[in-house]
C-alpha atoms as a PDB file:
ATOM      1  CA  MET A   1      23.761  -9.902  17.068  1.00  0.00           C
ATOM      2  CA  SER A   2      20.336 -11.514  17.225  1.00  0.00           C
ATOM      3  CA  ILE A   3      19.745 -15.168  16.349  1.00  0.00           C
ATOM      4  CA  THR A   4      17.684 -14.059  13.344  1.00  0.00           C
ATOM      5  CA  ASN A   5      20.461 -11.860  11.962  1.00  0.00           C
ATOM      6  CA  TRP A   6      23.076 -14.516  12.678  1.00  0.00           C
ATOM      7  CA  THR A   7      21.039 -17.147  10.826  1.00  0.00           C
ATOM      8  CA  LEU A   8      20.613 -14.768   7.901  1.00  0.00           C
ATOM      9  CA  PHE A   9      24.355 -14.063   7.921  1.00  0.00           C
ATOM     10  CA  ILE A  10      25.101 -17.808   7.776  1.00  0.00           C
ATOM     11  CA  LEU A  11      22.721 -18.337   4.853  1.00  0.00           C
ATOM     12  CA  ILE A  12      24.215 -15.424   2.929  1.00  0.00           C
ATOM     13  CA  SER A  13      27.787 -16.567   3.686  1.00  0.00           C
ATOM     14  CA  ILE A  14      27.419 -20.151   2.431  1.00  0.00           C
ATOM     15  CA  ALA A  15      27.744 -19.259  -1.248  1.00  0.00           C
ATOM     16  CA  PRO A  16      30.909 -17.126  -0.833  1.00  0.00           C
ATOM     17  CA  ALA A  17      32.468 -19.799   1.391  1.00  0.00           C
ATOM     18  CA  LEU A  18      31.909 -22.446  -1.291  1.00  0.00           C
ATOM     19  CA  SER A  19      32.871 -20.270  -4.249  1.00  0.00           C
ATOM     20  CA  PRO A  20      36.077 -21.175  -6.111  1.00  0.00           C
ATOM     21  CA  GLY A  21      39.041 -18.926  -5.473  1.00  0.00           C
ATOM     22  CA  PRO A  22      42.747 -18.986  -4.590  1.00  0.00           C
ATOM     23  CA  ALA A  23      42.133 -20.589  -1.183  1.00  0.00           C
ATOM     24  CA  MET A  24      40.003 -23.345  -2.725  1.00  0.00           C
ATOM     25  CA  LEU A  25      42.658 -23.985  -5.371  1.00  0.00           C
ATOM     26  CA  LEU A  26      45.280 -24.237  -2.650  1.00  0.00           C
ATOM     27  CA  ALA A  27      43.102 -26.709  -0.751  1.00  0.00           C
ATOM     28  CA  LEU A  28      42.672 -28.857  -3.868  1.00  0.00           C
ATOM     29  CA  HIS A  29      46.394 -28.773  -4.621  1.00  0.00           C
ATOM     30  CA  ASN A  30      47.374 -29.687  -1.061  1.00  0.00           C
ATOM     31  CA  THR A  31      44.791 -32.478  -0.830  1.00  0.00           C
ATOM     32  CA  VAL A  32      45.920 -34.134  -4.042  1.00  0.00           C
ATOM     33  CA  ARG A  33      49.644 -33.688  -3.435  1.00  0.00           C
ATOM     34  CA  PHE A  34      49.927 -34.115   0.337  1.00  0.00           C
ATOM     35  CA  GLY A  35      46.657 -35.634   1.558  1.00  0.00           C
ATOM     36  CA  GLY A  36      43.789 -34.590   3.801  1.00  0.00           C
ATOM     37  CA  ARG A  37      45.906 -33.855   6.872  1.00  0.00           C
ATOM     38  CA  ALA A  38      47.821 -31.209   4.947  1.00  0.00           C
ATOM     39  CA  THR A  39      44.584 -29.588   3.822  1.00  0.00           C
ATOM     40  CA  ALA A  40      43.434 -29.378   7.437  1.00  0.00           C
ATOM     41  CA  TRP A  41      46.491 -27.227   8.206  1.00  0.00           C
ATOM     42  CA  SER A  42      46.120 -25.013   5.132  1.00  0.00           C
ATOM     43  CA  ALA A  43      42.381 -24.654   5.809  1.00  0.00           C
ATOM     44  CA  LEU A  44      43.210 -23.541   9.354  1.00  0.00           C
ATOM     45  CA  GLY A  45      45.656 -20.962   8.006  1.00  0.00           C
ATOM     46  CA  ASN A  46      43.040 -19.658   5.595  1.00  0.00           C
ATOM     47  CA  SER A  47      40.417 -19.478   8.351  1.00  0.00           C
ATOM     48  CA  ILE A  48      42.730 -17.575  10.709  1.00  0.00           C
ATOM     49  CA  GLY A  49      43.604 -15.194   7.878  1.00  0.00           C
ATOM     50  CA  LEU A  50      39.929 -14.555   7.169  1.00  0.00           C
ATOM     51  CA  LEU A  51      39.293 -14.018  10.878  1.00  0.00           C
ATOM     52  CA  ILE A  52      42.042 -11.386  10.952  1.00  0.00           C
ATOM     53  CA  LEU A  53      40.561  -9.715   7.884  1.00  0.00           C
ATOM     54  CA  GLY A  54      37.113  -9.841   9.475  1.00  0.00           C
ATOM     55  CA  PHE A  55      38.292  -7.863  12.495  1.00  0.00           C
ATOM     56  CA  ALA A  56      40.236  -5.471  10.266  1.00  0.00           C
ATOM     57  CA  VAL A  57      37.232  -4.844   8.025  1.00  0.00           C
ATOM     58  CA  THR A  58      34.975  -4.272  11.022  1.00  0.00           C
ATOM     59  CA  PHE A  59      37.328  -1.644  12.397  1.00  0.00           C
ATOM     60  CA  GLY A  60      37.695   0.287   9.178  1.00  0.00           C
ATOM     61  CA  LEU A  61      40.015  -1.516   6.776  1.00  0.00           C
ATOM     62  CA  GLY A  62      37.384  -1.631   4.044  1.00  0.00           C
ATOM     63  CA  MET A  63      36.763   2.100   4.347  1.00  0.00           C
ATOM     64  CA  LEU A  64      40.515   2.788   4.476  1.00  0.00           C
ATOM     65  CA  LEU A  65      41.140   0.888   1.259  1.00  0.00           C
ATOM     66  CA  ASN A  66      38.279   2.682  -0.463  1.00  0.00           C
ATOM     67  CA  THR A  67      39.655   6.087   0.545  1.00  0.00           C
ATOM     68  CA  ALA A  68      43.392   5.349   0.229  1.00  0.00           C
ATOM     69  CA  PRO A  69      44.175   4.175  -3.312  1.00  0.00           C
ATOM     70  CA  THR A  70      47.876   3.790  -2.532  1.00  0.00           C
ATOM     71  CA  VAL A  71      47.234   1.327   0.291  1.00  0.00           C
ATOM     72  CA  PHE A  72      44.743  -0.611  -1.805  1.00  0.00           C
ATOM     73  CA  MET A  73      47.224  -0.724  -4.690  1.00  0.00           C
ATOM     74  CA  LEU A  74      49.914  -2.084  -2.354  1.00  0.00           C
ATOM     75  CA  VAL A  75      47.613  -4.840  -1.088  1.00  0.00           C
ATOM     76  CA  LYS A  76      46.628  -5.626  -4.662  1.00  0.00           C
ATOM     77  CA  TRP A  77      50.205  -5.970  -5.872  1.00  0.00           C
ATOM     78  CA  CYS A  78      51.266  -8.080  -2.887  1.00  0.00           C
ATOM     79  CA  GLY A  79      48.331 -10.451  -3.272  1.00  0.00           C
ATOM     80  CA  ALA A  80      48.682 -10.714  -7.033  1.00  0.00           C
ATOM     81  CA  GLY A  81      52.432 -11.254  -6.857  1.00  0.00           C
ATOM     82  CA  TYR A  82      52.143 -14.012  -4.286  1.00  0.00           C
ATOM     83  CA  LEU A  83      49.504 -15.876  -6.321  1.00  0.00           C
ATOM     84  CA  ILE A  84      51.589 -15.611  -9.482  1.00  0.00           C
ATOM     85  CA  VAL A  85      54.608 -17.007  -7.621  1.00  0.00           C
ATOM     86  CA  LEU A  86      52.495 -19.932  -6.372  1.00  0.00           C
ATOM     87  CA  GLY A  87      51.307 -20.572  -9.914  1.00  0.00           C
ATOM     88  CA  ILE A  88      54.777 -20.505 -11.434  1.00  0.00           C
ATOM     89  CA  ARG A  89      56.023 -22.807  -8.686  1.00  0.00           C
ATOM     90  CA  ASN A  90      53.368 -25.354  -9.641  1.00  0.00           C
ATOM     91  CA  LEU A  91      54.089 -25.029 -13.348  1.00  0.00           C
ATOM     92  CA  ILE A  92      57.828 -25.635 -12.990  1.00  0.00           C
ATOM     93  CA  ALA A  93      57.556 -28.319 -10.294  1.00  0.00           C
ATOM     94  CA  ARG A  94      58.792 -31.826 -11.000  1.00  0.00           C
ATOM     95  CA  ASP A  95      56.475 -34.241 -12.766  1.00  0.00           C
ATOM     96  CA  PRO A  96      53.975 -35.447 -10.120  1.00  0.00           C
ATOM     97  CA  ASN A  97      53.390 -38.679 -12.058  1.00  0.00           C
ATOM     98  CA  SER A  98      56.459 -40.242 -10.502  1.00  0.00           C
ATOM     99  CA  PRO A  99      55.590 -42.396  -7.451  1.00  0.00           C
ATOM    100  CA  ALA A 100      58.865 -41.318  -5.860  1.00  0.00           C
ATOM    101  CA  VAL A 101      57.880 -37.651  -6.138  1.00  0.00           C
ATOM    102  CA  THR A 102      54.419 -38.311  -4.678  1.00  0.00           C
ATOM    103  CA  LEU A 103      55.861 -40.333  -1.798  1.00  0.00           C
ATOM    104  CA  GLU A 104      58.497 -37.680  -1.155  1.00  0.00           C
ATOM    105  CA  ALA A 105      55.845 -34.959  -1.082  1.00  0.00           C
ATOM    106  CA  ARG A 106      53.694 -36.847   1.407  1.00  0.00           C
ATOM    107  CA  ASN A 107      56.691 -37.602   3.626  1.00  0.00           C
ATOM    108  CA  GLN A 108      57.798 -33.971   3.725  1.00  0.00           C
ATOM    109  CA  ILE A 109      54.571 -32.368   4.914  1.00  0.00           C
ATOM    110  CA  GLN A 110      55.404 -29.255   6.936  1.00  0.00           C
ATOM    111  CA  PRO A 111      52.229 -28.138   8.752  1.00  0.00           C
ATOM    112  CA  ARG A 112      53.704 -24.773   9.685  1.00  0.00           C
ATOM    113  CA  ALA A 113      54.660 -23.979   6.083  1.00  0.00           C
ATOM    114  CA  LEU A 114      51.228 -25.009   4.789  1.00  0.00           C
ATOM    115  CA  PHE A 115      49.535 -22.933   7.505  1.00  0.00           C
ATOM    116  CA  ILE A 116      51.594 -19.812   6.740  1.00  0.00           C
ATOM    117  CA  GLU A 117      51.155 -20.216   2.987  1.00  0.00           C
ATOM    118  CA  ALA A 118      47.355 -20.293   3.296  1.00  0.00           C
ATOM    119  CA  LEU A 119      47.404 -17.437   5.827  1.00  0.00           C
ATOM    120  CA  VAL A 120      49.363 -15.231   3.422  1.00  0.00           C
ATOM    121  CA  VAL A 121      47.014 -16.089   0.545  1.00  0.00           C
ATOM    122  CA  ALA A 122      44.045 -15.072   2.708  1.00  0.00           C
ATOM    123  CA  VAL A 123      45.329 -11.778   4.121  1.00  0.00           C
ATOM    124  CA  THR A 124      46.786 -10.538   0.817  1.00  0.00           C
ATOM    125  CA  ASN A 125      43.636 -11.268  -1.177  1.00  0.00           C
ATOM    126  CA  PRO A 126      42.032  -7.890  -2.025  1.00  0.00           C
ATOM    127  CA  LYS A 127      38.920  -9.671  -3.266  1.00  0.00           C
ATOM    128  CA  ALA A 128      38.486 -11.238   0.186  1.00  0.00           C
ATOM    129  CA  ILE A 129      38.737  -7.808   1.810  1.00  0.00           C
ATOM    130  CA  LEU A 130      36.047  -6.423  -0.476  1.00  0.00           C
ATOM    131  CA  LEU A 131      33.894  -9.528   0.043  1.00  0.00           C
ATOM    132  CA  LEU A 132      34.110  -9.348   3.830  1.00  0.00           C
ATOM    133  CA  SER A 133      33.307  -5.650   3.702  1.00  0.00           C
ATOM    134  CA  ALA A 134      30.178  -6.422   1.701  1.00  0.00           C
ATOM    135  CA  LEU A 135      29.215  -9.262   4.056  1.00  0.00           C
ATOM    136  CA  PHE A 136      29.992  -7.685   7.414  1.00  0.00           C
ATOM    137  CA  LEU A 137      29.098  -4.023   7.094  1.00  0.00           C
ATOM    138  CA  PRO A 138      25.327  -4.493   6.489  1.00  0.00           C
ATOM    139  CA  PHE A 139      25.076  -6.528   9.711  1.00  0.00           C
ATOM    140  CA  LEU A 140      27.008  -4.136  11.955  1.00  0.00           C
ATOM    141  CA  ALA A 141      24.832  -2.351  14.505  1.00  0.00           C
ATOM    142  CA  PRO A 142      26.321   1.043  15.496  1.00  0.00           C
ATOM    143  CA  ASN A 143      24.693   0.955  18.950  1.00  0.00           C
ATOM    144  CA  ILE A 144      26.427  -2.331  19.898  1.00  0.00           C
ATOM    145  CA  PRO A 145      30.171  -2.779  20.644  1.00  0.00           C
ATOM    146  CA  MET A 146      32.025  -3.709  17.460  1.00  0.00           C
ATOM    147  CA  LEU A 147      34.319  -6.354  18.977  1.00  0.00           C
ATOM    148  CA  PRO A 148      31.681  -9.008  19.757  1.00  0.00           C
ATOM    149  CA  GLN A 149      30.007  -8.414  16.395  1.00  0.00           C
ATOM    150  CA  ALA A 150      33.311  -8.873  14.582  1.00  0.00           C
ATOM    151  CA  ALA A 151      34.027 -12.010  16.609  1.00  0.00           C
ATOM    152  CA  ILE A 152      30.659 -13.612  15.837  1.00  0.00           C
ATOM    153  CA  MET A 153      30.748 -12.913  12.112  1.00  0.00           C
ATOM    154  CA  GLY A 154      34.473 -13.583  11.787  1.00  0.00           C
ATOM    155  CA  PHE A 155      34.389 -16.960  13.513  1.00  0.00           C
ATOM    156  CA  THR A 156      31.205 -17.936  11.675  1.00  0.00           C
ATOM    157  CA  PHE A 157      32.591 -17.189   8.223  1.00  0.00           C
ATOM    158  CA  SER A 158      35.968 -18.752   9.055  1.00  0.00           C
ATOM    159  CA  ILE A 159      34.302 -21.985  10.188  1.00  0.00           C
ATOM    160  CA  LEU A 160      32.184 -22.092   7.032  1.00  0.00           C
ATOM    161  CA  CYS A 161      35.308 -21.711   4.897  1.00  0.00           C
ATOM    162  CA  TYR A 162      37.101 -24.417   6.887  1.00  0.00           C
ATOM    163  CA  LEU A 163      34.188 -26.797   6.294  1.00  0.00           C
ATOM    164  CA  ALA A 164      34.225 -25.906   2.595  1.00  0.00           C
ATOM    165  CA  HIS A 165      37.867 -26.958   2.401  1.00  0.00           C
ATOM    166  CA  MET A 166      37.067 -30.212   4.153  1.00  0.00           C
ATOM    167  CA  ILE A 167      34.495 -30.849   1.428  1.00  0.00           C
ATOM    168  CA  ILE A 168      37.422 -30.759  -1.014  1.00  0.00           C
ATOM    169  CA  VAL A 169      39.084 -33.538   0.985  1.00  0.00           C
ATOM    170  CA  VAL A 170      35.912 -35.639   0.869  1.00  0.00           C
ATOM    171  CA  LEU A 171      35.495 -35.121  -2.877  1.00  0.00           C
ATOM    172  CA  VAL A 172      39.092 -36.107  -3.578  1.00  0.00           C
ATOM    173  CA  ARG A 173      38.639 -39.263  -1.516  1.00  0.00           C
ATOM    174  CA  LEU A 174      35.375 -40.112  -3.283  1.00  0.00           C
ATOM    175  CA  PHE A 175      36.953 -39.623  -6.700  1.00  0.00           C
ATOM    176  CA  HIS A 176      40.477 -40.656  -5.725  1.00  0.00           C
ATOM    177  CA  ARG A 177      40.973 -42.769  -8.829  1.00  0.00           C
ATOM    178  CA  GLN A 178      40.478 -39.750 -11.062  1.00  0.00           C
ATOM    179  CA  PHE A 179      42.394 -37.273  -8.902  1.00  0.00           C
ATOM    180  CA  LEU A 180      45.289 -39.556  -7.958  1.00  0.00           C
ATOM    181  CA  SER A 181      45.829 -41.165 -11.338  1.00  0.00           C
ATOM    182  CA  GLN A 182      48.906 -40.070 -13.278  1.00  0.00           C
ATOM    183  CA  ARG A 183      46.761 -37.952 -15.567  1.00  0.00           C
ATOM    184  CA  GLY A 184      44.791 -36.527 -12.637  1.00  0.00           C
ATOM    185  CA  LEU A 185      47.892 -35.479 -10.710  1.00  0.00           C
ATOM    186  CA  LYS A 186      49.346 -33.770 -13.754  1.00  0.00           C
ATOM    187  CA  LEU A 187      46.091 -31.977 -14.565  1.00  0.00           C
ATOM    188  CA  VAL A 188      45.691 -30.738 -10.981  1.00  0.00           C
ATOM    189  CA  GLN A 189      49.280 -29.458 -10.882  1.00  0.00           C
ATOM    190  CA  LEU A 190      49.062 -27.648 -14.218  1.00  0.00           C
ATOM    191  CA  GLY A 191      45.462 -26.538 -13.706  1.00  0.00           C
ATOM    192  CA  THR A 192      46.065 -25.002 -10.289  1.00  0.00           C
ATOM    193  CA  GLY A 193      49.317 -23.475 -11.520  1.00  0.00           C
ATOM    194  CA  TRP A 194      47.686 -21.641 -14.412  1.00  0.00           C
ATOM    195  CA  ALA A 195      44.657 -20.752 -12.276  1.00  0.00           C
ATOM    196  CA  PHE A 196      46.869 -19.092  -9.634  1.00  0.00           C
ATOM    197  CA  VAL A 197      48.568 -17.046 -12.353  1.00  0.00           C
ATOM    198  CA  VAL A 198      45.206 -16.029 -13.848  1.00  0.00           C
ATOM    199  CA  TYR A 199      43.832 -15.075 -10.410  1.00  0.00           C
ATOM    200  CA  GLY A 200      46.943 -13.023  -9.726  1.00  0.00           C
ATOM    201  CA  LEU A 201      46.636 -11.150 -13.008  1.00  0.00           C
ATOM    202  CA  ALA A 202      42.899 -10.684 -12.434  1.00  0.00           C
ATOM    203  CA  PHE A 203      43.542  -9.091  -9.034  1.00  0.00           C
ATOM    204  CA  LEU A 204      45.576  -6.411 -10.775  1.00  0.00           C
ATOM    205  CA  THR A 205      42.472  -5.367 -12.713  1.00  0.00           C
ATOM    206  CA  LEU A 206      40.313  -4.830  -9.616  1.00  0.00           C
ATOM    207  CA  VAL A 207      38.775  -1.390  -9.567  1.00  0.00           C
ATOM    208  CA  GLN A 208      40.356   0.891  -6.992  1.00  0.00           C
END
């Protein structure tokens, strides 16, 4: 991939990396509830998941899903179901206004669990598969080996998404009084909960 094409790819990828979605909601939830260190782990899980999808899309996953409705439907249902479960979990969680609950949450950070959770959200997101197909395929050169092209675009987009999640951490720290107030904690918990459910239901309406 030439420097010109790579630069163009970066410019085109900035908007999708910053766009709100399930991964961004998860980053916001983890930052408010567990702190910035937790978000670093979930952002890493999301980035690795996107990198995996990037390689898969490059080697035909996008085309497979477009030509195999059953496979696409399975991915859709898995992704939607997982998001709905995340949403319900937030909605029925204990009141975050309690200092004891907040302290307990911060003391029980499990990096591996946060990493896996974000990874699953990324790889089961049918919208992400379609997005990466739209981003990657126009830049693929048929006369050049696919592996290095997939690596360049995959790592580039994953890093952009990681940086986007770190922006969430910075914003929460800048506006910590609003986010970490009793009202802010409750709004984030309920807001992300309902948003996950809505995203999950929306995924079910994606055109095959």
